[in-house]
Amino acid sequence: MIVPSFLTLGFLATAVIAAADPRTCDRNDAKLPLLDAKNFQLTYSPNSHTSKLAKHLKTVSMTQVLTNANRQLVKKAPKTGSGKPVESWGWNNGDDDTTKYYPQGISSSGDALGAGKWEGHNVWEAAKGEKKKARISFIDRSTHKYRHVLLVEPTADDNFKEVSVHAGGIAWYGDALYVVDTDNGLRVFNVSSIFSVGAGDRVGKDPTTGKYSANNYAYVLPQMWPSNPTPPSATPGSPSTAAPPPTASSSASTKKPTSRHPSA
């Protein structure tokens, strides 16, 4: 689902649809056969190249990315809804007018950590996708400046490629950014391992010069692992099913990590 190209905080008038209170529902009231949870599990496949790629690229902190933010949100009235927002911000004219990238999912440091801030910053995070690439816009809520970061998948110990996903939904939890892959479940990216790259149209390593670029993005966010749907015939816990990511809870608890301090 495509979200509006502006960010709106506040309450919008919504129609009330009569429906059964879910608190009073009982599984025995189901009129259709219940789905079996074992058919809806994800298989994690860690990318062995990610940590080795860090030896070839410079890792930067969120603070560095936000300090070098090169775009500014502007105040804009929302184009939809009848409510009066507390805040309403839009992308700059170039980003707002483009038909190449469309805003998709949104999350924030308030989702990532119980303290609500990442390295001392209150951060918004918006995903934008196009046919062959996807990017994340990191927004500093105190300055309303933002920077686009390209999502990439390590393909070798010293190389990477763009990620072709719609990025229709995202969730930031601890170090992990979960990005929906319409056909393949989820992709998980490491927010603590943002890499800086040089200028250039190529995405990845230039075989001639050995230099790295990302379609003229200054930063890339590497994929840690994909999370693919497990076939119904697969047995959970078998060798094909890896352990869940460290930042994902393996129990019923949903408690967030408490804080994130600036990197050294």
Protein backbone atom coordinates (compact mmCIF):
# COMPACT_ATOMS: atom_id res chain seq x y z
CA MET A 1 0.00 0.00 0.00
CA ILE A 2 1.34 3.42 -0.96
CA VAL A 3 1.22 5.99 1.83
CA PRO A 4 0.93 9.75 1.22
CA SER A 5 4.16 11.58 0.43
CA PHE A 6 3.87 13.66 3.59
CA LEU A 7 4.25 12.70 7.24
CA THR A 8 1.26 13.50 9.42
CA LEU A 9 0.88 13.31 13.17
CA GLY A 10 -2.53 13.68 14.74
CA PHE A 11 -6.01 12.30 14.55
CA LEU A 12 -7.99 11.89 11.36
CA ALA A 13 -11.73 11.45 11.25
CA THR A 14 -12.56 7.84 10.43
CA ALA A 15 -15.74 5.98 9.76
CA VAL A 16 -16.79 3.53 12.43
CA ILE A 17 -17.53 0.09 11.05
CA ALA A 18 -19.66 -2.21 13.11
CA ALA A 19 -17.75 -5.37 13.95
CA ALA A 20 -17.58 -7.97 16.65
CA ASP A 21 -15.44 -7.05 19.62
CA PRO A 22 -12.30 -9.24 19.23
CA ARG A 23 -12.09 -9.54 23.03
CA THR A 24 -15.29 -11.59 23.00
CA CYS A 25 -14.33 -13.86 20.10
CA ASP A 26 -13.80 -17.56 20.65
CA ARG A 27 -11.85 -19.88 18.35
CA ASN A 28 -14.75 -22.30 18.46
CA ASP A 29 -16.98 -19.67 16.80
CA ALA A 30 -14.97 -19.81 13.57
CA LYS A 31 -17.13 -20.61 10.55
CA LEU A 32 -14.12 -21.61 8.43
CA PRO A 33 -11.38 -24.14 9.25
CA LEU A 34 -8.70 -22.60 11.48
CA LEU A 35 -5.27 -22.04 9.94
CA ASP A 36 -2.42 -24.11 11.31
CA ALA A 37 0.33 -21.89 12.74
CA LYS A 38 3.04 -24.38 11.70
CA ASN A 39 2.38 -23.43 8.08
CA PHE A 40 3.26 -19.80 8.77
CA GLN A 41 6.83 -19.90 10.04
CA LEU A 42 9.92 -18.14 8.70
CA THR A 43 13.29 -19.67 7.91
CA TYR A 44 16.28 -17.42 8.62
CA SER A 45 19.32 -17.66 6.36
CA PRO A 46 22.23 -15.57 7.73
CA ASN A 47 24.35 -13.85 5.08
CA SER A 48 27.94 -14.93 5.71
CA HIS A 49 29.31 -12.06 3.59
CA THR A 50 28.02 -9.18 5.71
CA SER A 51 30.60 -9.23 8.49
CA LYS A 52 33.45 -9.79 6.02
CA LEU A 53 32.27 -6.92 3.82
CA ALA A 54 32.81 -4.61 6.80
CA LYS A 55 36.56 -5.15 6.39
CA HIS A 56 36.41 -3.42 3.01
CA LEU A 57 34.05 -0.56 3.85
CA LYS A 58 33.87 2.11 6.55
CA THR A 59 31.10 1.63 9.10
CA VAL A 60 29.38 4.85 10.16
CA SER A 61 26.99 5.64 12.99
CA MET A 62 23.46 6.97 12.76
CA THR A 63 24.80 10.22 14.19
CA GLN A 64 27.18 10.57 11.25
CA VAL A 65 24.40 9.91 8.74
CA LEU A 66 22.10 12.49 10.34
CA THR A 67 24.91 15.03 10.72
CA ASN A 68 25.50 14.71 6.98
CA ALA A 69 21.79 14.88 6.10
CA ASN A 70 21.50 16.73 2.81
CA ARG A 71 17.74 17.26 2.55
CA GLN A 72 15.17 19.18 4.57
CA LEU A 73 11.51 18.42 5.27
CA VAL A 74 9.13 21.30 4.61
CA LYS A 75 5.83 22.11 6.27
CA LYS A 76 2.94 21.05 4.05
CA ALA A 77 -0.77 20.65 4.58
CA PRO A 78 -1.92 17.02 4.26
CA LYS A 79 -3.59 16.13 0.97
CA THR A 80 -6.00 13.64 2.53
CA GLY A 81 -8.12 13.40 5.66
CA SER A 82 -10.37 15.92 7.36
CA GLY A 83 -8.73 16.03 10.78
CA LYS A 84 -6.40 18.76 11.99
CA PRO A 85 -2.89 17.30 12.40
CA VAL A 86 -0.58 18.29 15.21
CA GLU A 87 2.28 18.30 12.69
CA SER A 88 2.41 17.92 8.94
CA TRP A 89 5.67 17.66 6.99
CA GLY A 90 6.48 16.92 3.38
CA TRP A 91 9.56 15.90 1.43
CA ASN A 92 11.49 18.58 -0.41
CA ASN A 93 10.20 19.44 -3.88
CA GLY A 94 12.55 17.08 -5.72
CA ASP A 95 11.57 14.07 -3.62
CA ASP A 96 7.91 15.02 -3.48
CA ASP A 97 7.61 15.39 -7.25
CA THR A 98 9.51 12.28 -8.32
CA THR A 99 7.57 9.43 -9.89
CA LYS A 100 10.51 7.04 -9.54
CA TYR A 101 10.28 6.39 -5.80
CA TYR A 102 7.06 6.11 -3.80
CA PRO A 103 6.92 6.27 0.03
CA GLN A 104 5.94 2.94 1.53
CA GLY A 105 6.55 1.76 5.13
CA ILE A 106 7.36 3.98 8.11
CA SER A 107 8.90 3.28 11.53
CA SER A 108 10.88 5.19 14.14
CA SER A 109 13.43 4.98 16.94
CA GLY A 110 10.41 4.88 19.23
CA ASP A 111 9.68 1.44 17.77
CA ALA A 112 13.32 0.37 17.95
CA LEU A 113 14.05 1.16 21.58
CA GLY A 114 12.10 1.63 24.79
CA ALA A 115 14.00 4.88 25.40
CA GLY A 116 12.66 6.19 22.11
CA LYS A 117 15.98 7.53 20.81
CA TRP A 118 18.84 6.05 18.80
CA GLU A 119 22.28 7.41 19.70
CA GLY A 120 20.47 10.30 21.34
CA HIS A 121 18.39 11.11 18.23
CA ASN A 122 14.65 10.91 17.75
CA VAL A 123 14.55 9.33 14.29
CA TRP A 124 11.86 8.69 11.72
CA GLU A 125 12.50 6.03 9.12
CA ALA A 126 10.60 5.85 5.83
CA ALA A 127 10.97 3.21 3.10
CA LYS A 128 10.69 4.03 -0.58
CA GLY A 129 10.75 1.53 -3.39
CA GLU A 130 11.04 1.48 -7.15
CA LYS A 131 11.35 -1.33 -9.70
CA LYS A 132 14.94 -2.38 -9.03
CA LYS A 133 15.99 -0.58 -5.86
CA ALA A 134 14.75 0.42 -2.42
CA ARG A 135 16.01 3.04 0.00
CA ILE A 136 15.44 4.17 3.55
CA SER A 137 15.13 7.84 4.48
CA PHE A 138 16.48 8.54 7.97
CA ILE A 139 14.92 11.73 9.38
CA ASP A 140 16.15 13.66 12.41
CA ARG A 141 12.99 14.91 14.11
CA SER A 142 14.83 17.71 15.92
CA THR A 143 16.16 19.31 12.72
CA HIS A 144 13.75 17.75 10.16
CA LYS A 145 16.76 17.04 7.96
CA TYR A 146 17.01 13.66 6.26
CA ARG A 147 19.28 11.42 4.23
CA HIS A 148 18.51 8.60 1.80
CA VAL A 149 20.37 5.31 2.35
CA LEU A 150 20.31 2.52 -0.25
CA LEU A 151 19.37 -1.01 0.79
CA VAL A 152 21.92 -3.56 -0.44
CA GLU A 153 22.54 -7.30 -0.26
CA PRO A 154 26.12 -8.57 0.16
CA THR A 155 26.85 -11.01 -2.66
CA ALA A 156 30.49 -11.77 -1.82
CA ASP A 157 32.97 -11.00 0.94
CA ASP A 158 33.89 -7.84 -0.98
CA ASN A 159 30.81 -6.92 -3.00
CA PHE A 160 27.08 -6.11 -2.86
CA LYS A 161 24.09 -5.42 -5.09
CA GLU A 162 20.89 -3.38 -4.89
CA VAL A 163 17.81 -4.97 -3.32
CA SER A 164 14.79 -5.26 -5.59
CA VAL A 165 11.85 -5.05 -3.18
CA HIS A 166 8.68 -3.01 -2.96
CA ALA A 167 9.41 -2.24 0.74
CA GLY A 168 5.70 -1.92 1.41
CA GLY A 169 6.13 -2.33 5.16
CA ILE A 170 8.98 -1.93 7.65
CA ALA A 171 9.57 -2.39 11.38
CA TRP A 172 12.62 -1.19 13.31
CA TYR A 173 13.41 -3.29 16.38
CA GLY A 174 16.77 -2.99 18.11
CA ASP A 175 19.55 -3.27 15.52
CA ALA A 176 17.24 -4.93 13.02
CA LEU A 177 15.22 -3.26 10.32
CA TYR A 178 12.60 -5.70 8.99
CA VAL A 179 11.55 -4.97 5.40
CA VAL A 180 8.66 -6.80 3.76
CA ASP A 181 9.58 -8.69 0.60
CA THR A 182 6.27 -9.31 -1.15
CA ASP A 183 7.31 -12.64 -2.69
CA ASN A 184 9.79 -13.92 -0.12
CA GLY A 185 8.73 -13.02 3.40
CA LEU A 186 11.04 -10.55 5.15
CA ARG A 187 14.52 -9.12 4.70
CA VAL A 188 16.46 -8.03 7.77
CA PHE A 189 18.99 -5.18 7.69
CA ASN A 190 21.52 -4.13 10.33
CA VAL A 191 21.03 -0.49 11.39
CA SER A 192 24.29 -0.68 13.36
CA SER A 193 26.30 -1.49 10.22
CA ILE A 194 25.66 1.40 7.85
CA PHE A 195 28.53 1.64 5.33
CA SER A 196 29.82 4.75 3.56
CA VAL A 197 30.77 4.46 -0.13
CA GLY A 198 32.18 6.72 -2.81
CA ALA A 199 30.41 8.52 -5.64
CA GLY A 200 29.54 6.65 -8.83
CA ASP A 201 26.65 5.21 -10.82
CA ARG A 202 27.62 1.57 -10.22
CA VAL A 203 26.13 -0.35 -7.29
CA GLY A 204 28.89 -2.43 -5.70
CA LYS A 205 32.60 -2.82 -6.39
CA ASP A 206 34.17 -1.55 -9.59
CA PRO A 207 36.25 -4.51 -10.86
CA THR A 208 38.73 -2.15 -12.51
CA THR A 209 39.38 0.39 -9.74
CA GLY A 210 38.33 -1.68 -6.72
CA LYS A 211 36.31 1.30 -5.46
CA TYR A 212 32.78 1.07 -4.11
CA SER A 213 29.72 3.14 -5.02
CA ALA A 214 25.94 2.88 -4.78
CA ASN A 215 24.23 4.78 -7.57
CA ASN A 216 25.57 8.01 -6.03
CA TYR A 217 24.16 7.31 -2.58
CA ALA A 218 26.74 8.09 0.10
CA TYR A 219 25.55 5.31 2.43
CA VAL A 220 24.28 1.74 2.14
CA LEU A 221 22.42 -0.43 4.62
CA PRO A 222 23.43 -4.12 4.32
CA GLN A 223 21.10 -7.06 4.57
CA MET A 224 21.90 -9.45 7.41
CA TRP A 225 19.60 -12.26 6.29
CA PRO A 226 16.35 -13.01 4.50
CA SER A 227 13.46 -14.61 6.34
CA ASN A 228 11.62 -16.90 3.95
CA PRO A 229 8.33 -18.71 4.52
CA THR A 230 8.92 -22.29 5.61
CA PRO A 231 7.18 -24.84 3.35
CA PRO A 232 4.37 -26.64 5.22
CA SER A 233 6.26 -29.93 4.83
CA ALA A 234 9.37 -28.60 6.57
CA THR A 235 9.84 -29.53 10.19
CA PRO A 236 10.48 -26.55 12.49
CA GLY A 237 13.85 -26.93 14.17
CA SER A 238 15.31 -28.98 11.33
CA PRO A 239 18.74 -28.03 9.88
CA SER A 240 17.01 -25.90 7.21
CA THR A 241 15.51 -23.65 9.87
CA ALA A 242 18.09 -21.33 11.39
CA ALA A 243 17.73 -19.62 14.73
CA PRO A 244 15.83 -16.30 14.80
CA PRO A 245 17.77 -13.02 14.67
CA PRO A 246 19.34 -11.89 17.96
CA THR A 247 17.07 -8.85 18.05
CA ALA A 248 13.90 -10.83 17.52
CA SER A 249 12.22 -12.24 20.58
CA SER A 250 12.00 -16.03 20.64
CA SER A 251 9.49 -15.95 23.47
CA ALA A 252 6.12 -14.29 24.03
CA SER A 253 7.75 -11.16 25.40
CA THR A 254 7.62 -7.98 23.29
CA LYS A 255 9.79 -5.82 25.52
CA LYS A 256 12.00 -3.45 23.53
CA PRO A 257 15.71 -2.90 24.12
CA THR A 258 16.01 0.06 26.46
CA SER A 259 18.65 2.32 24.95
CA ARG A 260 21.27 2.81 22.28
CA HIS A 261 24.37 4.84 23.01
CA PRO A 262 26.51 6.65 20.43
CA SER A 263 29.15 4.55 18.74
CA ALA A 264 32.77 5.22 19.61
